[in-house]
């Protein structure tokens, strides 16, 4: 897999970002401020990663998406490891990520990679997203924030 830095986002990359965050308004709020990366296998887009410095020594993964047909193949793990290595090289001490309380796959992946839950923002999705989001046969309401200390 090849991960490249991006200066702008193509239509296909933007569509992939929306698969992880279904609100164009929310994606627009961070996409231009974020450091952007695309993952390719054999010149085919398989994932995107957006990183945003939030505090002097903290970097947040604001969007991580893997194309549907390439999920469960280790690409998300590789993107998380890339983010961690990049953050470490740039002297960040903390890596953060947030996901929905009903996002069982991502929650498992992040914790497996050493992220720990730091807080829950109750009703985040019902307050900030105009449409109800159903995931795993549940209404998504709460945002879970996770954090990993880098060594």
N, C-alpha and C. Protein backbone atom coordinates (compact mmCIF):
# COMPACT_ATOMS: atom_id res chain seq x y z
N UNK A 1 0.86 -1.18 0.00
CA UNK A 1 0.00 0.00 0.00
C UNK A 1 0.89 1.23 0.00
N UNK A 2 0.50 2.21 -0.77
CA UNK A 2 1.22 3.47 -0.89
C UNK A 2 0.37 4.60 -0.32
N UNK A 3 0.93 5.35 0.63
CA UNK A 3 0.21 6.47 1.24
C UNK A 3 0.89 7.77 0.83
N UNK A 4 0.14 8.65 0.20
CA UNK A 4 0.67 9.91 -0.33
C UNK A 4 -0.02 11.10 0.31
N UNK A 5 0.73 12.16 0.51
CA UNK A 5 0.18 13.42 0.99
C UNK A 5 -0.61 14.08 -0.13
N UNK A 6 -1.69 14.77 0.21
CA UNK A 6 -2.53 15.45 -0.77
C UNK A 6 -2.55 16.96 -0.48
N UNK A 7 -2.67 17.75 -1.54
CA UNK A 7 -2.86 19.19 -1.35
C UNK A 7 -4.33 19.56 -1.51
N UNK A 8 -5.07 18.71 -2.22
CA UNK A 8 -6.51 18.92 -2.39
C UNK A 8 -7.18 17.55 -2.43
N UNK A 9 -8.50 17.55 -2.42
CA UNK A 9 -9.27 16.31 -2.37
C UNK A 9 -10.07 16.16 -3.66
N UNK A 10 -9.93 15.01 -4.30
CA UNK A 10 -10.68 14.73 -5.52
C UNK A 10 -12.12 14.35 -5.16
N UNK A 11 -12.95 14.25 -6.17
CA UNK A 11 -14.36 13.87 -5.94
C UNK A 11 -14.44 12.47 -5.33
N UNK A 12 -13.63 11.54 -5.81
CA UNK A 12 -13.64 10.17 -5.28
C UNK A 12 -13.17 10.15 -3.83
N UNK A 13 -12.15 10.94 -3.52
CA UNK A 13 -11.65 11.01 -2.15
C UNK A 13 -12.70 11.64 -1.23
N UNK A 14 -13.37 12.68 -1.71
CA UNK A 14 -14.40 13.35 -0.92
C UNK A 14 -15.56 12.40 -0.63
N UNK A 15 -15.93 11.61 -1.62
CA UNK A 15 -17.01 10.63 -1.44
C UNK A 15 -16.61 9.60 -0.37
N UNK A 16 -15.35 9.23 -0.36
CA UNK A 16 -14.86 8.30 0.66
C UNK A 16 -14.89 8.95 2.04
N UNK A 17 -14.54 10.23 2.13
CA UNK A 17 -14.63 10.96 3.40
C UNK A 17 -16.07 10.94 3.93
N UNK A 18 -17.03 11.10 3.03
CA UNK A 18 -18.44 11.09 3.43
C UNK A 18 -18.91 9.71 3.89
N UNK A 19 -18.22 8.66 3.49
CA UNK A 19 -18.59 7.33 3.97
C UNK A 19 -18.26 7.18 5.45
N UNK A 20 -17.29 7.95 5.94
CA UNK A 20 -16.93 7.91 7.36
C UNK A 20 -17.66 8.99 8.16
N UNK A 21 -17.99 10.08 7.50
CA UNK A 21 -18.70 11.20 8.14
C UNK A 21 -19.76 11.67 7.14
N UNK A 22 -21.03 11.27 7.34
CA UNK A 22 -22.06 11.51 6.32
C UNK A 22 -22.53 12.95 6.18
N UNK A 23 -21.97 13.87 6.95
CA UNK A 23 -22.40 15.27 6.86
C UNK A 23 -21.44 16.11 6.02
N UNK A 24 -21.88 16.56 4.84
CA UNK A 24 -21.02 17.44 4.04
C UNK A 24 -20.64 18.71 4.80
N UNK A 25 -21.52 19.20 5.67
CA UNK A 25 -21.23 20.40 6.45
C UNK A 25 -20.08 20.13 7.42
N UNK A 26 -20.11 18.99 8.09
CA UNK A 26 -19.05 18.64 9.03
C UNK A 26 -17.73 18.41 8.29
N UNK A 27 -17.75 17.69 7.19
CA UNK A 27 -16.53 17.44 6.43
C UNK A 27 -15.95 18.77 5.94
N UNK A 28 -16.81 19.65 5.45
CA UNK A 28 -16.33 20.97 4.99
C UNK A 28 -15.70 21.78 6.11
N UNK A 29 -16.14 21.54 7.35
CA UNK A 29 -15.61 22.32 8.48
C UNK A 29 -14.16 21.98 8.80
N UNK A 30 -13.68 20.81 8.37
CA UNK A 30 -12.29 20.45 8.69
C UNK A 30 -11.42 20.08 7.49
N UNK A 31 -12.00 19.78 6.36
CA UNK A 31 -11.21 19.24 5.25
C UNK A 31 -10.12 20.20 4.78
N UNK A 32 -10.38 21.48 4.71
CA UNK A 32 -9.38 22.43 4.21
C UNK A 32 -8.29 22.74 5.23
N UNK A 33 -8.57 22.52 6.52
CA UNK A 33 -7.58 22.78 7.57
C UNK A 33 -6.71 21.56 7.87
N UNK A 34 -7.15 20.40 7.42
CA UNK A 34 -6.49 19.15 7.78
C UNK A 34 -5.33 18.81 6.85
N UNK A 35 -4.43 18.00 7.38
CA UNK A 35 -3.38 17.38 6.57
C UNK A 35 -4.03 16.16 5.94
N UNK A 36 -3.89 16.03 4.63
CA UNK A 36 -4.64 15.03 3.89
C UNK A 36 -3.72 13.96 3.30
N UNK A 37 -4.16 12.71 3.40
CA UNK A 37 -3.40 11.58 2.86
C UNK A 37 -4.36 10.62 2.17
N UNK A 38 -3.86 10.00 1.11
CA UNK A 38 -4.65 8.99 0.39
C UNK A 38 -3.84 7.70 0.31
N UNK A 39 -4.51 6.59 0.49
CA UNK A 39 -3.88 5.27 0.39
C UNK A 39 -4.32 4.62 -0.92
N UNK A 40 -3.33 4.07 -1.62
CA UNK A 40 -3.62 3.40 -2.89
C UNK A 40 -2.96 2.03 -2.91
N UNK A 41 -3.62 1.13 -3.58
CA UNK A 41 -3.05 -0.18 -3.89
C UNK A 41 -3.17 -0.33 -5.40
N UNK A 42 -2.05 -0.56 -6.05
CA UNK A 42 -2.01 -0.67 -7.53
C UNK A 42 -2.69 0.54 -8.18
N UNK A 43 -2.38 1.73 -7.68
CA UNK A 43 -2.90 3.00 -8.19
C UNK A 43 -4.41 3.15 -8.05
N UNK A 44 -5.03 2.34 -7.18
CA UNK A 44 -6.46 2.44 -6.93
C UNK A 44 -6.67 2.96 -5.51
N UNK A 45 -7.54 3.98 -5.37
CA UNK A 45 -7.83 4.58 -4.08
C UNK A 45 -8.51 3.55 -3.18
N UNK A 46 -7.91 3.34 -1.98
CA UNK A 46 -8.50 2.39 -1.03
C UNK A 46 -8.81 3.03 0.32
N UNK A 47 -8.22 4.23 0.58
CA UNK A 47 -8.47 4.87 1.86
C UNK A 47 -8.03 6.32 1.88
N UNK A 48 -8.57 7.05 2.83
CA UNK A 48 -8.18 8.45 3.06
C UNK A 48 -8.01 8.67 4.56
N UNK A 49 -7.17 9.64 4.88
CA UNK A 49 -6.85 9.96 6.26
C UNK A 49 -6.68 11.46 6.37
N UNK A 50 -7.37 12.08 7.33
CA UNK A 50 -7.22 13.51 7.58
C UNK A 50 -6.76 13.71 9.02
N UNK A 51 -5.70 14.49 9.18
CA UNK A 51 -5.12 14.78 10.49
C UNK A 51 -5.21 16.28 10.76
N UNK A 52 -5.57 16.63 11.98
CA UNK A 52 -5.73 18.05 12.32
C UNK A 52 -5.07 18.33 13.67
N UNK A 53 -4.07 19.24 13.66
CA UNK A 53 -3.49 19.65 14.95
C UNK A 53 -4.57 20.40 15.75
N UNK A 54 -4.80 19.97 16.99
CA UNK A 54 -5.85 20.59 17.79
C UNK A 54 -5.29 21.35 18.99
N UNK A 55 -4.15 20.93 19.50
CA UNK A 55 -3.46 21.56 20.62
C UNK A 55 -1.97 21.51 20.29
N UNK A 56 -1.13 22.22 21.03
CA UNK A 56 0.30 22.26 20.67
C UNK A 56 0.95 20.89 20.46
N UNK A 57 0.60 19.89 21.23
CA UNK A 57 1.24 18.58 21.05
C UNK A 57 0.22 17.47 20.80
N UNK A 58 -0.96 17.86 20.29
CA UNK A 58 -2.03 16.90 20.04
C UNK A 58 -2.46 16.95 18.58
N UNK A 59 -2.59 15.78 18.00
CA UNK A 59 -3.03 15.63 16.62
C UNK A 59 -4.28 14.76 16.63
N UNK A 60 -5.33 15.22 15.95
CA UNK A 60 -6.56 14.44 15.89
C UNK A 60 -6.76 13.84 14.51
N UNK A 61 -7.11 12.58 14.48
CA UNK A 61 -7.54 11.93 13.25
C UNK A 61 -9.00 12.33 13.08
N UNK A 62 -9.29 13.26 12.18
CA UNK A 62 -10.66 13.76 12.04
C UNK A 62 -11.47 12.96 11.02
N UNK A 63 -10.77 12.20 10.18
CA UNK A 63 -11.49 11.33 9.25
C UNK A 63 -10.54 10.23 8.81
N UNK A 64 -11.02 9.01 8.88
CA UNK A 64 -10.29 7.84 8.40
C UNK A 64 -11.33 6.97 7.72
N UNK A 65 -11.15 6.75 6.44
CA UNK A 65 -12.14 5.98 5.68
C UNK A 65 -11.44 4.98 4.78
N UNK A 66 -12.01 3.79 4.70
CA UNK A 66 -11.53 2.74 3.82
C UNK A 66 -12.68 2.36 2.90
N UNK A 67 -12.40 2.23 1.61
CA UNK A 67 -13.45 1.89 0.66
C UNK A 67 -14.11 0.57 1.07
N UNK A 68 -15.40 0.49 0.82
CA UNK A 68 -16.21 -0.66 1.25
C UNK A 68 -15.59 -1.98 0.81
N UNK A 69 -15.14 -2.07 -0.42
CA UNK A 69 -14.63 -3.35 -0.93
C UNK A 69 -13.24 -3.70 -0.40
N UNK A 70 -12.61 -2.78 0.32
CA UNK A 70 -11.28 -3.05 0.88
C UNK A 70 -11.28 -3.10 2.41
N UNK A 71 -12.47 -3.10 3.01
CA UNK A 71 -12.54 -3.17 4.47
C UNK A 71 -12.21 -4.58 4.96
N UNK A 72 -11.78 -4.65 6.21
CA UNK A 72 -11.41 -5.91 6.86
C UNK A 72 -10.21 -6.59 6.19
N UNK A 73 -9.32 -5.76 5.63
CA UNK A 73 -8.09 -6.26 5.01
C UNK A 73 -6.85 -5.64 5.64
N UNK A 74 -7.01 -4.95 6.76
CA UNK A 74 -5.86 -4.37 7.45
C UNK A 74 -5.50 -2.96 7.02
N UNK A 75 -6.27 -2.38 6.12
CA UNK A 75 -5.94 -1.04 5.62
C UNK A 75 -6.18 0.01 6.70
N UNK A 76 -7.27 -0.11 7.45
CA UNK A 76 -7.53 0.83 8.54
C UNK A 76 -6.41 0.78 9.57
N UNK A 77 -5.95 -0.41 9.89
CA UNK A 77 -4.83 -0.58 10.83
C UNK A 77 -3.58 0.11 10.29
N UNK A 78 -3.30 -0.08 9.01
CA UNK A 78 -2.12 0.55 8.41
C UNK A 78 -2.24 2.07 8.41
N UNK A 79 -3.44 2.59 8.17
CA UNK A 79 -3.64 4.04 8.20
C UNK A 79 -3.45 4.59 9.62
N UNK A 80 -3.94 3.86 10.62
CA UNK A 80 -3.73 4.27 12.01
C UNK A 80 -2.24 4.26 12.36
N UNK A 81 -1.54 3.23 11.93
CA UNK A 81 -0.10 3.14 12.20
C UNK A 81 0.66 4.25 11.48
N UNK A 82 0.23 4.57 10.25
CA UNK A 82 0.84 5.68 9.52
C UNK A 82 0.64 6.99 10.29
N UNK A 83 -0.59 7.22 10.77
CA UNK A 83 -0.90 8.44 11.52
C UNK A 83 -0.04 8.52 12.78
N UNK A 84 0.09 7.41 13.47
CA UNK A 84 0.90 7.39 14.69
C UNK A 84 2.37 7.68 14.38
N UNK A 85 2.92 7.04 13.37
CA UNK A 85 4.32 7.28 12.99
C UNK A 85 4.54 8.71 12.54
N UNK A 86 3.62 9.24 11.74
CA UNK A 86 3.74 10.62 11.26
C UNK A 86 3.70 11.58 12.45
N UNK A 87 2.77 11.37 13.36
CA UNK A 87 2.64 12.23 14.54
C UNK A 87 3.90 12.16 15.40
N UNK A 88 4.41 10.97 15.58
CA UNK A 88 5.63 10.80 16.38
C UNK A 88 6.82 11.54 15.74
N UNK A 89 6.96 11.41 14.43
CA UNK A 89 8.05 12.09 13.71
C UNK A 89 7.94 13.61 13.81
N UNK A 90 6.72 14.11 13.92
CA UNK A 90 6.49 15.55 14.02
C UNK A 90 6.43 16.02 15.47
N UNK A 91 6.79 15.13 16.40
CA UNK A 91 6.92 15.45 17.84
C UNK A 91 5.59 15.74 18.54
N UNK A 92 4.52 15.15 18.04
CA UNK A 92 3.26 15.20 18.78
C UNK A 92 3.34 14.18 19.90
N UNK A 93 2.66 14.46 20.99
CA UNK A 93 2.68 13.54 22.14
C UNK A 93 1.38 12.75 22.28
N UNK A 94 0.31 13.28 21.67
CA UNK A 94 -1.00 12.65 21.82
C UNK A 94 -1.69 12.56 20.47
N UNK A 95 -2.31 11.42 20.22
CA UNK A 95 -3.11 11.21 19.02
C UNK A 95 -4.53 10.95 19.48
N UNK A 96 -5.48 11.68 18.90
CA UNK A 96 -6.89 11.53 19.28
C UNK A 96 -7.71 11.09 18.08
N UNK A 97 -8.85 10.47 18.39
CA UNK A 97 -9.80 10.07 17.36
C UNK A 97 -11.18 10.00 18.02
N UNK A 98 -12.22 10.21 17.25
CA UNK A 98 -13.59 10.12 17.78
C UNK A 98 -14.41 9.27 16.82
N UNK A 99 -15.40 8.61 17.37
CA UNK A 99 -16.28 7.78 16.55
C UNK A 99 -17.64 7.69 17.23
N UNK A 100 -18.58 7.12 16.55
CA UNK A 100 -19.92 6.96 17.10
C UNK A 100 -20.00 5.80 18.07
N UNK A 101 -20.90 5.93 19.02
CA UNK A 101 -21.07 4.88 20.04
C UNK A 101 -21.59 3.58 19.43
N UNK A 102 -22.17 3.63 18.25
CA UNK A 102 -22.68 2.43 17.59
C UNK A 102 -21.72 1.91 16.51
N UNK A 103 -20.54 2.53 16.40
CA UNK A 103 -19.53 2.13 15.41
C UNK A 103 -18.65 1.04 16.00
N UNK A 104 -19.21 -0.15 16.14
CA UNK A 104 -18.55 -1.22 16.87
C UNK A 104 -17.22 -1.65 16.24
N UNK A 105 -17.17 -1.73 14.92
CA UNK A 105 -15.92 -2.11 14.24
C UNK A 105 -14.80 -1.11 14.49
N UNK A 106 -15.03 0.18 14.21
CA UNK A 106 -14.00 1.17 14.49
C UNK A 106 -13.61 1.24 15.97
N UNK A 107 -14.58 1.16 16.87
CA UNK A 107 -14.27 1.18 18.31
C UNK A 107 -13.33 0.04 18.68
N UNK A 108 -13.60 -1.13 18.15
CA UNK A 108 -12.75 -2.28 18.41
C UNK A 108 -11.35 -2.04 17.85
N UNK A 109 -11.28 -1.57 16.61
CA UNK A 109 -9.99 -1.32 15.95
C UNK A 109 -9.16 -0.31 16.73
N UNK A 110 -9.76 0.80 17.11
CA UNK A 110 -9.01 1.85 17.80
C UNK A 110 -8.48 1.35 19.15
N UNK A 111 -9.30 0.61 19.88
CA UNK A 111 -8.85 0.10 21.17
C UNK A 111 -7.77 -0.98 20.99
N UNK A 112 -7.91 -1.78 19.94
CA UNK A 112 -6.90 -2.80 19.64
C UNK A 112 -5.55 -2.14 19.34
N UNK A 113 -5.59 -0.92 18.79
CA UNK A 113 -4.37 -0.19 18.45
C UNK A 113 -3.87 0.66 19.63
N UNK A 114 -4.47 0.53 20.79
CA UNK A 114 -3.96 1.19 21.98
C UNK A 114 -4.65 2.49 22.35
N UNK A 115 -5.70 2.87 21.65
CA UNK A 115 -6.45 4.07 22.02
C UNK A 115 -7.33 3.75 23.23
N UNK A 116 -7.49 4.73 24.11
CA UNK A 116 -8.32 4.58 25.30
C UNK A 116 -9.43 5.61 25.27
N UNK A 117 -10.61 5.23 25.72
CA UNK A 117 -11.74 6.15 25.77
C UNK A 117 -11.46 7.22 26.82
N UNK A 118 -11.64 8.48 26.40
CA UNK A 118 -11.40 9.59 27.33
C UNK A 118 -12.68 10.33 27.68
N UNK A 119 -13.66 10.32 26.77
CA UNK A 119 -14.92 11.01 27.08
C UNK A 119 -16.01 10.57 26.12
N UNK A 120 -17.24 10.87 26.53
CA UNK A 120 -18.42 10.63 25.70
C UNK A 120 -19.19 11.94 25.61
N UNK A 121 -19.49 12.36 24.39
CA UNK A 121 -20.32 13.55 24.18
C UNK A 121 -21.73 13.07 23.88
N UNK A 122 -22.56 13.12 24.90
CA UNK A 122 -23.93 12.64 24.77
C UNK A 122 -24.71 13.48 23.75
N UNK A 123 -25.50 12.80 22.94
CA UNK A 123 -26.38 13.43 21.95
C UNK A 123 -25.65 14.26 20.90
N UNK A 124 -24.35 14.05 20.70
CA UNK A 124 -23.58 14.80 19.71
C UNK A 124 -24.20 14.70 18.32
N UNK A 125 -24.51 13.48 17.90
CA UNK A 125 -25.01 13.29 16.54
C UNK A 125 -26.44 13.80 16.37
N UNK A 126 -27.26 13.67 17.39
CA UNK A 126 -28.63 14.19 17.28
C UNK A 126 -28.64 15.72 17.31
N UNK A 127 -27.63 16.33 17.90
CA UNK A 127 -27.57 17.80 17.96
C UNK A 127 -26.86 18.41 16.74
N UNK A 128 -25.89 17.69 16.15
CA UNK A 128 -25.06 18.28 15.10
C UNK A 128 -25.32 17.74 13.69
N UNK A 129 -26.15 16.73 13.58
CA UNK A 129 -26.44 16.14 12.28
C UNK A 129 -27.95 16.26 12.03
N UNK A 130 -28.34 16.81 10.87
CA UNK A 130 -29.76 17.07 10.63
C UNK A 130 -30.60 15.80 10.46
N UNK A 131 -29.99 14.72 10.00
CA UNK A 131 -30.76 13.50 9.78
C UNK A 131 -30.34 12.42 10.77
N UNK A 132 -31.27 11.58 11.13
CA UNK A 132 -30.99 10.45 12.00
C UNK A 132 -30.04 9.50 11.31
N UNK A 133 -29.02 9.05 12.04
CA UNK A 133 -28.05 8.09 11.50
C UNK A 133 -28.31 6.74 12.17
N UNK A 134 -28.59 5.74 11.33
CA UNK A 134 -28.78 4.38 11.83
C UNK A 134 -27.49 3.61 11.55
N UNK A 135 -27.03 2.88 12.57
CA UNK A 135 -25.83 2.09 12.42
C UNK A 135 -25.97 0.85 13.29
N UNK A 136 -25.74 -0.32 12.71
CA UNK A 136 -25.88 -1.58 13.44
C UNK A 136 -27.27 -1.70 14.10
N UNK A 137 -28.29 -1.25 13.38
CA UNK A 137 -29.69 -1.30 13.81
C UNK A 137 -29.98 -0.46 15.05
N UNK A 138 -29.12 0.54 15.30
CA UNK A 138 -29.30 1.46 16.42
C UNK A 138 -29.23 2.90 15.92
N UNK A 139 -29.93 3.80 16.60
CA UNK A 139 -29.82 5.21 16.27
C UNK A 139 -28.54 5.73 16.92
N UNK A 140 -27.69 6.34 16.10
CA UNK A 140 -26.44 6.90 16.59
C UNK A 140 -26.72 8.23 17.28
N UNK A 141 -26.36 8.32 18.54
CA UNK A 141 -26.58 9.55 19.32
C UNK A 141 -25.28 10.11 19.88
N UNK A 142 -24.45 9.25 20.47
CA UNK A 142 -23.30 9.72 21.24
C UNK A 142 -21.98 9.57 20.50
N UNK A 143 -21.08 10.52 20.74
CA UNK A 143 -19.73 10.52 20.19
C UNK A 143 -18.77 10.03 21.27
N UNK A 144 -17.90 9.11 20.92
CA UNK A 144 -16.90 8.61 21.85
C UNK A 144 -15.54 9.12 21.41
N UNK A 145 -14.84 9.80 22.32
CA UNK A 145 -13.49 10.30 22.06
C UNK A 145 -12.48 9.32 22.66
N UNK A 146 -11.44 9.04 21.88
CA UNK A 146 -10.37 8.16 22.32
C UNK A 146 -9.03 8.87 22.14
N UNK A 147 -8.04 8.42 22.89
CA UNK A 147 -6.75 9.09 22.88
C UNK A 147 -5.65 8.03 23.05
N UNK A 148 -4.52 8.32 22.45
CA UNK A 148 -3.34 7.46 22.60
C UNK A 148 -2.14 8.34 22.87
N UNK A 149 -1.40 8.01 23.92
CA UNK A 149 -0.17 8.75 24.22
C UNK A 149 0.96 8.13 23.40
N UNK A 150 1.70 8.98 22.71
CA UNK A 150 2.79 8.52 21.86
C UNK A 150 4.10 8.54 22.66
N UNK A 151 4.95 7.56 22.41
CA UNK A 151 6.22 7.47 23.13
C UNK A 151 7.40 7.81 22.24
